[in-house]
Amino acid sequence: VITYGDSVKGRFTISRDRGRNAVDLQMDS
């Protein structure tokens, strides 16, 4: 389940990478 702050909705994307044990944040615009 994903939740975004109002100010970043539609611009940022959170994702997980099981192989790297990582959580990434793609920030656009």
PDB file of all heavy atoms in Angstrom:
ATOM      1  N   VAL A   1       0.849  -1.186   0.000  1.00  0.00           N
ATOM      2  CA  VAL A   1       0.000   0.000   0.000  1.00  0.00           C
ATOM      3  C   VAL A   1       0.891   1.244   0.000  1.00  0.00           C
ATOM      4  O   VAL A   1       1.773   1.381   0.843  1.00  0.00           O
ATOM      5  CB  VAL A   1      -0.936   0.015   1.224  1.00  0.00           C
ATOM      6  CG1 VAL A   1      -1.754   1.303   1.246  1.00  0.00           C
ATOM      7  CG2 VAL A   1      -1.845  -1.207   1.200  1.00  0.00           C
ATOM      8  N   ILE A   2       0.641   2.130  -0.922  1.00  0.00           N
ATOM      9  CA  ILE A   2       1.481   3.323  -1.098  1.00  0.00           C
ATOM     10  C   ILE A   2       0.710   4.574  -0.708  1.00  0.00           C
ATOM     11  O   ILE A   2      -0.482   4.722  -1.039  1.00  0.00           O
ATOM     12  CB  ILE A   2       1.958   3.427  -2.557  1.00  0.00           C
ATOM     13  CG1 ILE A   2       2.935   2.289  -2.880  1.00  0.00           C
ATOM     14  CG2 ILE A   2       2.626   4.778  -2.807  1.00  0.00           C
ATOM     15  CD1 ILE A   2       3.358   2.225  -4.331  1.00  0.00           C
ATOM     16  N   THR A   3       1.395   5.463  -0.021  1.00  0.00           N
ATOM     17  CA  THR A   3       0.848   6.771   0.334  1.00  0.00           C
ATOM     18  C   THR A   3       1.835   7.845  -0.089  1.00  0.00           C
ATOM     19  O   THR A   3       3.037   7.713   0.155  1.00  0.00           O
ATOM     20  CB  THR A   3       0.612   6.876   1.853  1.00  0.00           C
ATOM     21  OG1 THR A   3      -0.262   5.817   2.270  1.00  0.00           O
ATOM     22  CG2 THR A   3      -0.007   8.210   2.213  1.00  0.00           C
ATOM     23  N   TYR A   4       1.331   8.903  -0.698  1.00  0.00           N
ATOM     24  CA  TYR A   4       2.164  10.039  -1.099  1.00  0.00           C
ATOM     25  C   TYR A   4       1.720  11.293  -0.354  1.00  0.00           C
ATOM     26  O   TYR A   4       0.532  11.489  -0.085  1.00  0.00           O
ATOM     27  CB  TYR A   4       2.046  10.311  -2.596  1.00  0.00           C
ATOM     28  CG  TYR A   4       2.683   9.254  -3.474  1.00  0.00           C
ATOM     29  CD1 TYR A   4       1.902   8.310  -4.140  1.00  0.00           C
ATOM     30  CD2 TYR A   4       4.064   9.186  -3.632  1.00  0.00           C
ATOM     31  CE1 TYR A   4       2.478   7.332  -4.945  1.00  0.00           C
ATOM     32  CE2 TYR A   4       4.649   8.217  -4.431  1.00  0.00           C
ATOM     33  CZ  TYR A   4       3.852   7.298  -5.084  1.00  0.00           C
ATOM     34  OH  TYR A   4       4.430   6.333  -5.872  1.00  0.00           O
ATOM     35  N   GLY A   5       2.678  12.160  -0.070  1.00  0.00           N
ATOM     36  CA  GLY A   5       2.330  13.470   0.436  1.00  0.00           C
ATOM     37  C   GLY A   5       1.639  14.263  -0.659  1.00  0.00           C
ATOM     38  O   GLY A   5       1.925  14.087  -1.847  1.00  0.00           O
ATOM     39  N   ASP A   6       0.745  15.155  -0.271  1.00  0.00           N
ATOM     40  CA  ASP A   6      -0.043  15.888  -1.259  1.00  0.00           C
ATOM     41  C   ASP A   6       0.831  16.679  -2.225  1.00  0.00           C
ATOM     42  O   ASP A   6       0.504  16.792  -3.412  1.00  0.00           O
ATOM     43  CB  ASP A   6      -1.018  16.840  -0.550  1.00  0.00           C
ATOM     44  CG  ASP A   6      -2.150  16.103   0.130  1.00  0.00           C
ATOM     45  OD1 ASP A   6      -2.401  14.933  -0.228  1.00  0.00           O
ATOM     46  OD2 ASP A   6      -2.780  16.684   1.028  1.00  0.00           O
ATOM     47  N   SER A   7       1.928  17.208  -1.739  1.00  0.00           N
ATOM     48  CA  SER A   7       2.744  18.087  -2.574  1.00  0.00           C
ATOM     49  C   SER A   7       3.548  17.344  -3.638  1.00  0.00           C
ATOM     50  O   SER A   7       4.093  17.979  -4.550  1.00  0.00           O
ATOM     51  CB  SER A   7       3.697  18.900  -1.698  1.00  0.00           C
ATOM     52  OG  SER A   7       4.561  18.046  -0.987  1.00  0.00           O
ATOM     53  N   VAL A   8       3.620  16.022  -3.560  1.00  0.00           N
ATOM     54  CA  VAL A   8       4.426  15.272  -4.529  1.00  0.00           C
ATOM     55  C   VAL A   8       3.597  14.331  -5.392  1.00  0.00           C
ATOM     56  O   VAL A   8       4.135  13.684  -6.294  1.00  0.00           O
ATOM     57  CB  VAL A   8       5.547  14.469  -3.841  1.00  0.00           C
ATOM     58  CG1 VAL A   8       6.386  15.383  -2.944  1.00  0.00           C
ATOM     59  CG2 VAL A   8       5.006  13.292  -3.053  1.00  0.00           C
ATOM     60  N   LYS A   9       2.315  14.232  -5.135  1.00  0.00           N
ATOM     61  CA  LYS A   9       1.459  13.326  -5.909  1.00  0.00           C
ATOM     62  C   LYS A   9       1.534  13.648  -7.396  1.00  0.00           C
ATOM     63  O   LYS A   9       1.475  14.803  -7.802  1.00  0.00           O
ATOM     64  CB  LYS A   9       0.009  13.438  -5.427  1.00  0.00           C
ATOM     65  CG  LYS A   9      -0.247  12.769  -4.096  1.00  0.00           C
ATOM     66  CD  LYS A   9      -1.710  12.923  -3.671  1.00  0.00           C
ATOM     67  CE  LYS A   9      -1.956  12.276  -2.327  1.00  0.00           C
ATOM     68  NZ  LYS A   9      -3.341  12.490  -1.857  1.00  0.00           N
ATOM     69  N   GLY A  10       1.700  12.602  -8.181  1.00  0.00           N
ATOM     70  CA  GLY A  10       1.767  12.772  -9.629  1.00  0.00           C
ATOM     71  C   GLY A  10       3.157  13.100 -10.144  1.00  0.00           C
ATOM     72  O   GLY A  10       3.382  13.100 -11.355  1.00  0.00           O
ATOM     73  N   ARG A  11       4.093  13.378  -9.239  1.00  0.00           N
ATOM     74  CA  ARG A  11       5.461  13.720  -9.660  1.00  0.00           C
ATOM     75  C   ARG A  11       6.496  12.718  -9.150  1.00  0.00           C
ATOM     76  O   ARG A  11       7.506  12.487  -9.815  1.00  0.00           O
ATOM     77  CB  ARG A  11       5.835  15.119  -9.169  1.00  0.00           C
ATOM     78  CG  ARG A  11       4.936  16.222  -9.688  1.00  0.00           C
ATOM     79  CD  ARG A  11       5.465  17.596  -9.295  1.00  0.00           C
ATOM     80  NE  ARG A  11       5.513  17.802  -7.857  1.00  0.00           N
ATOM     81  CZ  ARG A  11       6.614  18.098  -7.172  1.00  0.00           C
ATOM     82  NH1 ARG A  11       7.764  18.228  -7.808  1.00  0.00           N
ATOM     83  NH2 ARG A  11       6.557  18.274  -5.862  1.00  0.00           N
ATOM     84  N   PHE A  12       6.267  12.156  -7.985  1.00  0.00           N
ATOM     85  CA  PHE A  12       7.208  11.221  -7.362  1.00  0.00           C
ATOM     86  C   PHE A  12       6.628   9.814  -7.386  1.00  0.00           C
ATOM     87  O   PHE A  12       5.405   9.629  -7.288  1.00  0.00           O
ATOM     88  CB  PHE A  12       7.485  11.617  -5.920  1.00  0.00           C
ATOM     89  CG  PHE A  12       8.265  12.891  -5.737  1.00  0.00           C
ATOM     90  CD1 PHE A  12       8.521  13.756  -6.789  1.00  0.00           C
ATOM     91  CD2 PHE A  12       8.759  13.212  -4.474  1.00  0.00           C
ATOM     92  CE1 PHE A  12       9.247  14.918  -6.607  1.00  0.00           C
ATOM     93  CE2 PHE A  12       9.486  14.374  -4.265  1.00  0.00           C
ATOM     94  CZ  PHE A  12       9.717  15.232  -5.333  1.00  0.00           C
ATOM     95  N   THR A  13       7.523   8.832  -7.477  1.00  0.00           N
ATOM     96  CA  THR A  13       7.106   7.430  -7.472  1.00  0.00           C
ATOM     97  C   THR A  13       8.019   6.637  -6.549  1.00  0.00           C
ATOM     98  O   THR A  13       9.246   6.679  -6.712  1.00  0.00           O
ATOM     99  CB  THR A  13       7.163   6.835  -8.883  1.00  0.00           C
ATOM    100  OG1 THR A  13       6.369   7.617  -9.780  1.00  0.00           O
ATOM    101  CG2 THR A  13       6.643   5.400  -8.877  1.00  0.00           C
ATOM    102  N   ILE A  14       7.423   5.907  -5.626  1.00  0.00           N
ATOM    103  CA  ILE A  14       8.191   5.053  -4.720  1.00  0.00           C
ATOM    104  C   ILE A  14       8.103   3.618  -5.223  1.00  0.00           C
ATOM    105  O   ILE A  14       7.061   3.187  -5.737  1.00  0.00           O
ATOM    106  CB  ILE A  14       7.672   5.175  -3.274  1.00  0.00           C
ATOM    107  CG1 ILE A  14       8.618   4.478  -2.298  1.00  0.00           C
ATOM    108  CG2 ILE A  14       6.249   4.637  -3.134  1.00  0.00           C
ATOM    109  CD1 ILE A  14       8.294   4.758  -0.822  1.00  0.00           C
ATOM    110  N   SER A  15       9.206   2.887  -5.076  1.00  0.00           N
ATOM    111  CA  SER A  15       9.215   1.494  -5.512  1.00  0.00           C
ATOM    112  C   SER A  15      10.188   0.705  -4.652  1.00  0.00           C
ATOM    113  O   SER A  15      11.026   1.279  -3.950  1.00  0.00           O
ATOM    114  CB  SER A  15       9.611   1.391  -6.987  1.00  0.00           C
ATOM    115  OG  SER A  15      10.912   1.916  -7.194  1.00  0.00           O
ATOM    116  N   ARG A  16      10.070  -0.621  -4.715  1.00  0.00           N
ATOM    117  CA  ARG A  16      10.936  -1.504  -3.947  1.00  0.00           C
ATOM    118  C   ARG A  16      11.736  -2.397  -4.881  1.00  0.00           C
ATOM    119  O   ARG A  16      11.276  -2.767  -5.956  1.00  0.00           O
ATOM    120  CB  ARG A  16      10.105  -2.397  -3.011  1.00  0.00           C
ATOM    121  CG  ARG A  16       9.401  -1.680  -1.923  1.00  0.00           C
ATOM    122  CD  ARG A  16       8.585  -2.620  -1.068  1.00  0.00           C
ATOM    123  NE  ARG A  16       7.483  -3.237  -1.781  1.00  0.00           N
ATOM    124  CZ  ARG A  16       6.464  -3.855  -1.187  1.00  0.00           C
ATOM    125  NH1 ARG A  16       6.457  -3.939   0.149  1.00  0.00           N
ATOM    126  NH2 ARG A  16       5.499  -4.407  -1.887  1.00  0.00           N
ATOM    127  N   ASP A  17      12.922  -2.746  -4.433  1.00  0.00           N
ATOM    128  CA  ASP A  17      13.778  -3.675  -5.172  1.00  0.00           C
ATOM    129  C   ASP A  17      14.212  -4.760  -4.199  1.00  0.00           C
ATOM    130  O   ASP A  17      15.101  -4.557  -3.377  1.00  0.00           O
ATOM    131  CB  ASP A  17      14.986  -2.923  -5.745  1.00  0.00           C
ATOM    132  CG  ASP A  17      15.830  -3.797  -6.638  1.00  0.00           C
ATOM    133  OD1 ASP A  17      15.945  -5.019  -6.383  1.00  0.00           O
ATOM    134  OD2 ASP A  17      16.408  -3.280  -7.606  1.00  0.00           O
ATOM    135  N   ARG A  18      13.566  -5.927  -4.296  1.00  0.00           N
ATOM    136  CA  ARG A  18      13.845  -7.009  -3.352  1.00  0.00           C
ATOM    137  C   ARG A  18      15.294  -7.460  -3.438  1.00  0.00           C
ATOM    138  O   ARG A  18      15.933  -7.746  -2.430  1.00  0.00           O
ATOM    139  CB  ARG A  18      12.918  -8.187  -3.637  1.00  0.00           C
ATOM    140  CG  ARG A  18      13.087  -9.364  -2.680  1.00  0.00           C
ATOM    141  CD  ARG A  18      12.319 -10.579  -3.171  1.00  0.00           C
ATOM    142  NE  ARG A  18      10.891 -10.389  -3.148  1.00  0.00           N
ATOM    143  CZ  ARG A  18      10.113 -10.762  -2.133  1.00  0.00           C
ATOM    144  NH1 ARG A  18      10.646 -11.312  -1.063  1.00  0.00           N
ATOM    145  NH2 ARG A  18       8.805 -10.580  -2.199  1.00  0.00           N
ATOM    146  N   GLY A  19      15.835  -7.527  -4.644  1.00  0.00           N
ATOM    147  CA  GLY A  19      17.200  -8.015  -4.823  1.00  0.00           C
ATOM    148  C   GLY A  19      18.244  -7.129  -4.167  1.00  0.00           C
ATOM    149  O   GLY A  19      19.268  -7.614  -3.679  1.00  0.00           O
ATOM    150  N   ARG A  20      17.986  -5.832  -4.152  1.00  0.00           N
ATOM    151  CA  ARG A  20      18.932  -4.884  -3.553  1.00  0.00           C
ATOM    152  C   ARG A  20      18.576  -4.548  -2.124  1.00  0.00           C
ATOM    153  O   ARG A  20      19.306  -3.791  -1.476  1.00  0.00           O
ATOM    154  CB  ARG A  20      18.946  -3.589  -4.383  1.00  0.00           C
ATOM    155  CG  ARG A  20      19.560  -3.731  -5.761  1.00  0.00           C
ATOM    156  CD  ARG A  20      19.257  -2.515  -6.626  1.00  0.00           C
ATOM    157  NE  ARG A  20      19.484  -1.272  -5.930  1.00  0.00           N
ATOM    158  CZ  ARG A  20      18.596  -0.274  -5.836  1.00  0.00           C
ATOM    159  NH1 ARG A  20      17.421  -0.382  -6.432  1.00  0.00           N
ATOM    160  NH2 ARG A  20      18.880   0.841  -5.187  1.00  0.00           N
ATOM    161  N   ASN A  21      17.452  -5.074  -1.616  1.00  0.00           N
ATOM    162  CA  ASN A  21      16.945  -4.658  -0.296  1.00  0.00           C
ATOM    163  C   ASN A  21      16.853  -3.141  -0.237  1.00  0.00           C
ATOM    164  O   ASN A  21      17.338  -2.494   0.698  1.00  0.00           O
ATOM    165  CB  ASN A  21      17.830  -5.176   0.846  1.00  0.00           C
ATOM    166  CG  ASN A  21      17.531  -6.619   1.175  1.00  0.00           C
ATOM    167  OD1 ASN A  21      16.377  -7.042   1.176  1.00  0.00           O
ATOM    168  ND2 ASN A  21      18.571  -7.384   1.448  1.00  0.00           N
ATOM    169  N   ALA A  22      16.217  -2.579  -1.244  1.00  0.00           N
ATOM    170  CA  ALA A  22      16.199  -1.123  -1.382  1.00  0.00           C
ATOM    171  C   ALA A  22      14.801  -0.599  -1.661  1.00  0.00           C
ATOM    172  O   ALA A  22      13.948  -1.303  -2.203  1.00  0.00           O
ATOM    173  CB  ALA A  22      17.134  -0.696  -2.510  1.00  0.00           C
ATOM    174  N   VAL A  23      14.600   0.629  -1.268  1.00  0.00           N
ATOM    175  CA  VAL A  23      13.405   1.386  -1.632  1.00  0.00           C
ATOM    176  C   VAL A  23      13.879   2.628  -2.378  1.00  0.00           C
ATOM    177  O   VAL A  23      14.759   3.344  -1.886  1.00  0.00           O
ATOM    178  CB  VAL A  23      12.584   1.787  -0.392  1.00  0.00           C
ATOM    179  CG1 VAL A  23      11.439   2.717  -0.802  1.00  0.00           C
ATOM    180  CG2 VAL A  23      12.025   0.560   0.287  1.00  0.00           C
ATOM    181  N   ASP A  24      13.341   2.832  -3.551  1.00  0.00           N
ATOM    182  CA  ASP A  24      13.762   3.942  -4.393  1.00  0.00           C
ATOM    183  C   ASP A  24      12.671   5.003  -4.485  1.00  0.00           C
ATOM    184  O   ASP A  24      11.488   4.710  -4.342  1.00  0.00           O
ATOM    185  CB  ASP A  24      14.079   3.432  -5.796  1.00  0.00           C
ATOM    186  CG  ASP A  24      15.210   2.417  -5.793  1.00  0.00           C
ATOM    187  OD1 ASP A  24      16.148   2.578  -4.989  1.00  0.00           O
ATOM    188  OD2 ASP A  24      15.148   1.455  -6.581  1.00  0.00           O
ATOM    189  N   LEU A  25      13.100   6.218  -4.755  1.00  0.00           N
ATOM    190  CA  LEU A  25      12.163   7.324  -4.947  1.00  0.00           C
ATOM    191  C   LEU A  25      12.538   8.042  -6.237  1.00  0.00           C
ATOM    192  O   LEU A  25      13.579   8.703  -6.307  1.00  0.00           O
ATOM    193  CB  LEU A  25      12.215   8.292  -3.763  1.00  0.00           C
ATOM    194  CG  LEU A  25      11.210   9.432  -3.814  1.00  0.00           C
ATOM    195  CD1 LEU A  25       9.781   8.889  -3.610  1.00  0.00           C
ATOM    196  CD2 LEU A  25      11.526  10.473  -2.754  1.00  0.00           C
ATOM    197  N   GLN A  26      11.718   7.891  -7.249  1.00  0.00           N
ATOM    198  CA  GLN A  26      11.904   8.597  -8.502  1.00  0.00           C
ATOM    199  C   GLN A  26      11.208   9.940  -8.407  1.00  0.00           C
ATOM    200  O   GLN A  26       9.997   9.989  -8.169  1.00  0.00           O
ATOM    201  CB  GLN A  26      11.332   7.787  -9.671  1.00  0.00           C
ATOM    202  CG  GLN A  26      11.429   8.479 -11.018  1.00  0.00           C
ATOM    203  CD  GLN A  26      12.863   8.671 -11.476  1.00  0.00           C
ATOM    204  OE1 GLN A  26      13.711   7.803 -11.275  1.00  0.00           O
ATOM    205  NE2 GLN A  26      13.150   9.818 -12.083  1.00  0.00           N
ATOM    206  N   MET A  27      11.961  11.003  -8.600  1.00  0.00           N
ATOM    207  CA  MET A  27      11.427  12.344  -8.449  1.00  0.00           C
ATOM    208  C   MET A  27      11.500  13.058  -9.798  1.00  0.00           C
ATOM    209  O   MET A  27      12.599  13.311 -10.302  1.00  0.00           O
ATOM    210  CB  MET A  27      12.206  13.126  -7.386  1.00  0.00           C
ATOM    211  CG  MET A  27      12.286  12.411  -6.048  1.00  0.00           C
ATOM    212  SD  MET A  27      13.044  13.401  -4.749  1.00  0.00           S
ATOM    213  CE  MET A  27      14.707  13.563  -5.392  1.00  0.00           C
ATOM    214  N   ASP A  28      10.367  13.377 -10.358  1.00  0.00           N
ATOM    215  CA  ASP A  28      10.283  14.058 -11.642  1.00  0.00           C
ATOM    216  C   ASP A  28       9.630  15.426 -11.478  1.00  0.00           C
ATOM    217  O   ASP A  28       8.989  15.698 -10.465  1.00  0.00           O
ATOM    218  CB  ASP A  28       9.474  13.209 -12.634  1.00  0.00           C
ATOM    219  CG  ASP A  28      10.111  11.866 -12.913  1.00  0.00           C
ATOM    220  OD1 ASP A  28      11.337  11.824 -13.091  1.00  0.00           O
ATOM    221  OD2 ASP A  28       9.370  10.857 -12.962  1.00  0.00           O
ATOM    222  N   SER A  29       9.797  16.251 -12.485  1.00  0.00           N
ATOM    223  CA  SER A  29       9.195  17.600 -12.470  1.00  0.00           C
ATOM    224  C   SER A  29       9.522  18.321 -11.168  1.00  0.00           C
ATOM    225  O   SER A  29       8.642  18.892 -10.516  1.00  0.00           O
ATOM    226  CB  SER A  29       7.679  17.505 -12.665  1.00  0.00           C
ATOM    227  OG  SER A  29       7.356  16.867 -13.879  1.00  0.00           O
TER     228      SER A  29
END
